[in-house]
Amino acid sequence: MKLALLQNASGAYVPLLRATFDHHRRYCERHNILYLPTFGRVRERDPKWDRFPLLGQLCEESAVVWLDADCVIVGDADLREMFNGVSHIGMAKYTDIGWKDWGFHWNSGVMAVRDTFTAWQFIQRVWAIGQLENAHGWVNQPAIQQAAEETGVDEISIRWNCPTWLHCDKPVVKSFHSHRGAALPFLENELAMYGI
């Protein structure tokens, strides 16, 4: 499968992407994955939205893994394994942090996106819904939840998006979402701990 790893960072997230850049580049070289790190704002909305226009452009060409800048790959499993059971969009389902009436949320910090029309529809739908009034600090989460209800989302194992507050068996990607732009010491610690 032709695969790209896409990341974007602006503002306080730039040092996070810079910290993992060489490690992720080497990982991608080992696994024959095209690494596409981007820096800077993409659109006028909050930077949390930038992943959607970028993914919309790429998902027509290749399968794509989106990785937030506050994530680091700590295992050597091939990211292609994440796509097992994913028909168009795959995300980890966090049941410990619910969202409004759903009681869970689809975490978009790591996404497996197949090059399908349904994936493209999901991305376009999230963008079209936009930020709803009285949205949580995760400004795009209500749109993600709503689009997921409409198009469906496949659940990927938490080991592909393992947050600091959960124990994950054999994590491949560790995420520091709750730390936001202050995640740099945590990322550096992970890199050092794994000898990266």
Protein backbone atom coordinates (compact mmCIF):
# COMPACT_ATOMS: atom_id res chain seq x y z
CA MET A 1 0.00 0.00 0.00
CA LYS A 2 1.29 3.44 -0.94
CA LEU A 3 1.34 5.41 2.33
CA ALA A 4 2.14 8.94 3.48
CA LEU A 5 2.68 10.18 7.04
CA LEU A 6 1.38 13.74 7.34
CA GLN A 7 2.07 16.17 10.19
CA ASN A 8 1.56 19.91 10.56
CA ALA A 9 2.63 22.39 13.22
CA SER A 10 2.25 26.09 13.82
CA GLY A 11 2.78 28.34 16.82
CA ALA A 12 3.58 26.50 20.08
CA TYR A 13 3.50 23.15 18.24
CA VAL A 14 6.48 23.90 15.96
CA PRO A 15 9.10 22.83 18.58
CA LEU A 16 7.20 19.56 19.06
CA LEU A 17 7.38 18.65 15.38
CA ARG A 18 11.00 19.72 15.19
CA ALA A 19 11.83 17.45 18.15
CA THR A 20 10.43 14.33 16.43
CA PHE A 21 11.24 15.28 12.84
CA ASP A 22 14.46 13.25 12.40
CA HIS A 23 13.05 10.24 14.24
CA HIS A 24 9.88 10.17 12.15
CA ARG A 25 11.86 10.73 8.95
CA ARG A 26 14.09 7.72 9.74
CA TYR A 27 11.06 5.61 10.67
CA CYS A 28 9.43 6.44 7.33
CA GLU A 29 12.60 5.61 5.41
CA ARG A 30 12.76 2.17 7.08
CA HIS A 31 9.14 1.43 6.18
CA ASN A 32 9.02 3.02 2.71
CA ILE A 33 6.51 5.68 3.79
CA LEU A 34 6.47 9.18 2.31
CA TYR A 35 7.02 11.63 5.19
CA LEU A 36 5.23 14.97 4.75
CA PRO A 37 5.85 17.35 7.65
CA THR A 38 4.47 20.84 7.08
CA PHE A 39 4.92 24.00 9.09
CA GLY A 40 2.67 27.02 9.32
CA ARG A 41 -1.00 27.81 9.11
CA VAL A 42 -3.10 26.35 6.33
CA ARG A 43 -6.36 28.27 6.69
CA GLU A 44 -7.86 31.09 8.74
CA ARG A 45 -9.52 28.82 11.33
CA ASP A 46 -7.98 27.63 14.59
CA PRO A 47 -4.87 25.50 13.78
CA LYS A 48 -6.67 22.34 14.97
CA TRP A 49 -8.63 22.52 11.70
CA ASP A 50 -5.54 22.53 9.44
CA ARG A 51 -5.42 18.72 9.19
CA PHE A 52 -8.64 18.57 7.19
CA PRO A 53 -7.69 20.63 4.10
CA LEU A 54 -4.29 18.90 4.05
CA LEU A 55 -5.88 15.45 4.27
CA GLY A 56 -8.47 16.38 1.66
CA GLN A 57 -5.71 17.12 -0.84
CA LEU A 58 -3.72 13.97 -0.10
CA CYS A 59 -6.36 11.28 0.34
CA GLU A 60 -7.03 11.32 -3.40
CA GLU A 61 -3.44 10.18 -4.03
CA SER A 62 -2.57 7.76 -1.29
CA ALA A 63 -3.51 6.26 2.03
CA VAL A 64 -2.47 8.74 4.72
CA VAL A 65 -1.71 8.59 8.41
CA TRP A 66 -2.27 11.89 10.19
CA LEU A 67 -0.15 12.33 13.31
CA ASP A 68 -0.55 15.36 15.58
CA ALA A 69 2.67 17.21 16.40
CA ASP A 70 2.26 16.16 20.07
CA CYS A 71 2.62 12.47 19.13
CA VAL A 72 5.71 10.30 18.77
CA ILE A 73 6.14 6.88 17.17
CA VAL A 74 7.70 4.64 19.84
CA GLY A 75 7.27 1.19 18.28
CA ASP A 76 8.59 -0.14 15.01
CA ALA A 77 5.38 -1.76 13.77
CA ASP A 78 4.55 -0.67 10.24
CA LEU A 79 1.84 2.01 10.20
CA ARG A 80 0.15 0.05 7.42
CA GLU A 81 -0.99 -2.41 10.12
CA MET A 82 -3.21 0.37 11.48
CA PHE A 83 -5.36 0.04 8.36
CA ASN A 84 -6.49 -3.52 9.17
CA GLY A 85 -10.26 -3.27 9.45
CA VAL A 86 -10.35 0.36 8.27
CA SER A 87 -12.64 0.87 5.28
CA HIS A 88 -12.17 4.65 4.93
CA ILE A 89 -11.33 6.54 8.18
CA GLY A 90 -9.92 5.00 11.35
CA MET A 91 -9.51 6.70 14.73
CA ALA A 92 -9.05 5.63 18.33
CA LYS A 93 -12.23 5.75 20.38
CA TYR A 94 -11.62 7.34 23.77
CA THR A 95 -14.31 6.13 26.13
CA ASP A 96 -12.77 7.66 29.25
CA ILE A 97 -13.35 11.19 27.96
CA GLY A 98 -16.86 11.47 26.63
CA TRP A 99 -18.20 14.14 24.38
CA LYS A 100 -21.57 15.66 25.22
CA ASP A 101 -24.33 13.13 24.50
CA TRP A 102 -22.03 10.55 22.90
CA GLY A 103 -20.22 9.32 26.04
CA PHE A 104 -17.00 8.90 24.01
CA HIS A 105 -15.05 10.74 21.38
CA TRP A 106 -13.22 9.85 18.20
CA ASN A 107 -9.71 11.18 18.70
CA SER A 108 -8.37 12.76 15.51
CA GLY A 109 -4.79 13.09 16.85
CA VAL A 110 -3.96 9.94 14.87
CA MET A 111 -6.04 9.03 11.83
CA ALA A 112 -5.77 6.27 9.25
CA VAL A 113 -7.27 7.64 6.03
CA ARG A 114 -7.78 5.43 2.99
CA ASP A 115 -7.94 6.91 -0.49
CA THR A 116 -11.69 6.40 -0.82
CA PHE A 117 -14.60 8.63 -1.73
CA THR A 118 -16.15 8.06 1.72
CA ALA A 119 -12.96 9.28 3.42
CA TRP A 120 -13.00 12.38 1.25
CA GLN A 121 -16.70 12.90 2.12
CA PHE A 122 -15.92 12.65 5.85
CA ILE A 123 -13.15 15.25 5.57
CA GLN A 124 -15.33 17.59 3.51
CA ARG A 125 -18.23 17.14 5.93
CA VAL A 126 -16.13 18.00 8.99
CA TRP A 127 -14.96 21.18 7.26
CA ALA A 128 -18.50 22.10 6.14
CA ILE A 129 -19.97 21.63 9.63
CA GLY A 130 -17.30 23.93 11.01
CA GLN A 131 -17.11 25.21 14.53
CA LEU A 132 -20.39 25.02 16.35
CA GLU A 133 -21.45 27.61 18.90
CA ASN A 134 -20.40 26.91 22.49
CA ALA A 135 -17.83 24.39 21.27
CA HIS A 136 -15.44 22.79 23.71
CA GLY A 137 -11.75 23.81 23.67
CA TRP A 138 -11.34 21.05 21.09
CA VAL A 139 -12.95 23.30 18.54
CA ASN A 140 -13.31 20.68 15.81
CA GLN A 141 -14.58 17.81 17.99
CA PRO A 142 -18.32 18.42 17.57
CA ALA A 143 -17.89 18.43 13.78
CA ILE A 144 -15.84 15.22 13.92
CA GLN A 145 -18.48 13.49 16.06
CA GLN A 146 -21.31 14.61 13.78
CA ALA A 147 -19.51 13.63 10.57
CA ALA A 148 -18.63 10.25 12.10
CA GLU A 149 -22.32 9.60 12.74
CA GLU A 150 -23.10 10.41 9.12
CA THR A 151 -20.30 8.53 7.32
CA GLY A 152 -19.13 6.07 9.95
CA VAL A 153 -15.66 5.71 11.42
CA ASP A 154 -13.71 2.52 12.03
CA GLU A 155 -12.07 2.05 15.41
CA ILE A 156 -8.31 1.56 15.51
CA SER A 157 -6.58 0.08 18.53
CA ILE A 158 -5.56 2.49 21.27
CA ARG A 159 -1.96 1.30 20.76
CA TRP A 160 -1.87 3.53 17.65
CA ASN A 161 -2.84 6.61 19.73
CA CYS A 162 -1.90 5.89 23.33
CA PRO A 163 -2.48 8.93 25.58
CA THR A 164 -0.51 9.50 28.76
CA TRP A 165 -3.47 8.73 31.03
CA LEU A 166 -4.06 5.20 29.68
CA HIS A 167 -2.01 2.02 29.84
CA CYS A 168 -1.58 0.60 26.37
CA ASP A 169 -0.18 -2.83 25.58
CA LYS A 170 2.74 -2.43 23.17
CA PRO A 171 2.07 1.17 22.08
CA VAL A 172 3.21 2.20 18.62
CA VAL A 173 2.29 5.90 18.94
CA LYS A 174 2.25 7.79 22.22
CA SER A 175 0.21 10.97 22.36
CA PHE A 176 0.47 13.94 24.68
CA HIS A 177 -2.77 15.67 23.66
CA SER A 178 -3.65 16.85 27.15
CA HIS A 179 -0.35 18.75 27.39
CA ARG A 180 -0.97 20.76 24.21
CA GLY A 181 1.99 23.00 23.30
CA ALA A 182 3.77 22.13 26.59
CA ALA A 183 4.36 18.53 25.50
CA LEU A 184 8.01 19.07 24.49
CA PRO A 185 9.62 17.66 27.69
CA PHE A 186 7.37 14.60 27.46
CA LEU A 187 8.25 13.99 23.81
CA GLU A 188 11.96 14.43 24.54
CA ASN A 189 11.68 12.00 27.45
CA GLU A 190 10.03 9.39 25.20
CA LEU A 191 12.74 9.83 22.56
CA ALA A 192 15.45 9.39 25.22
CA MET A 193 13.70 6.45 26.93
CA TYR A 194 13.43 4.54 23.67
CA GLY A 195 16.96 5.48 22.68
CA ILE A 196 15.70 7.46 19.74
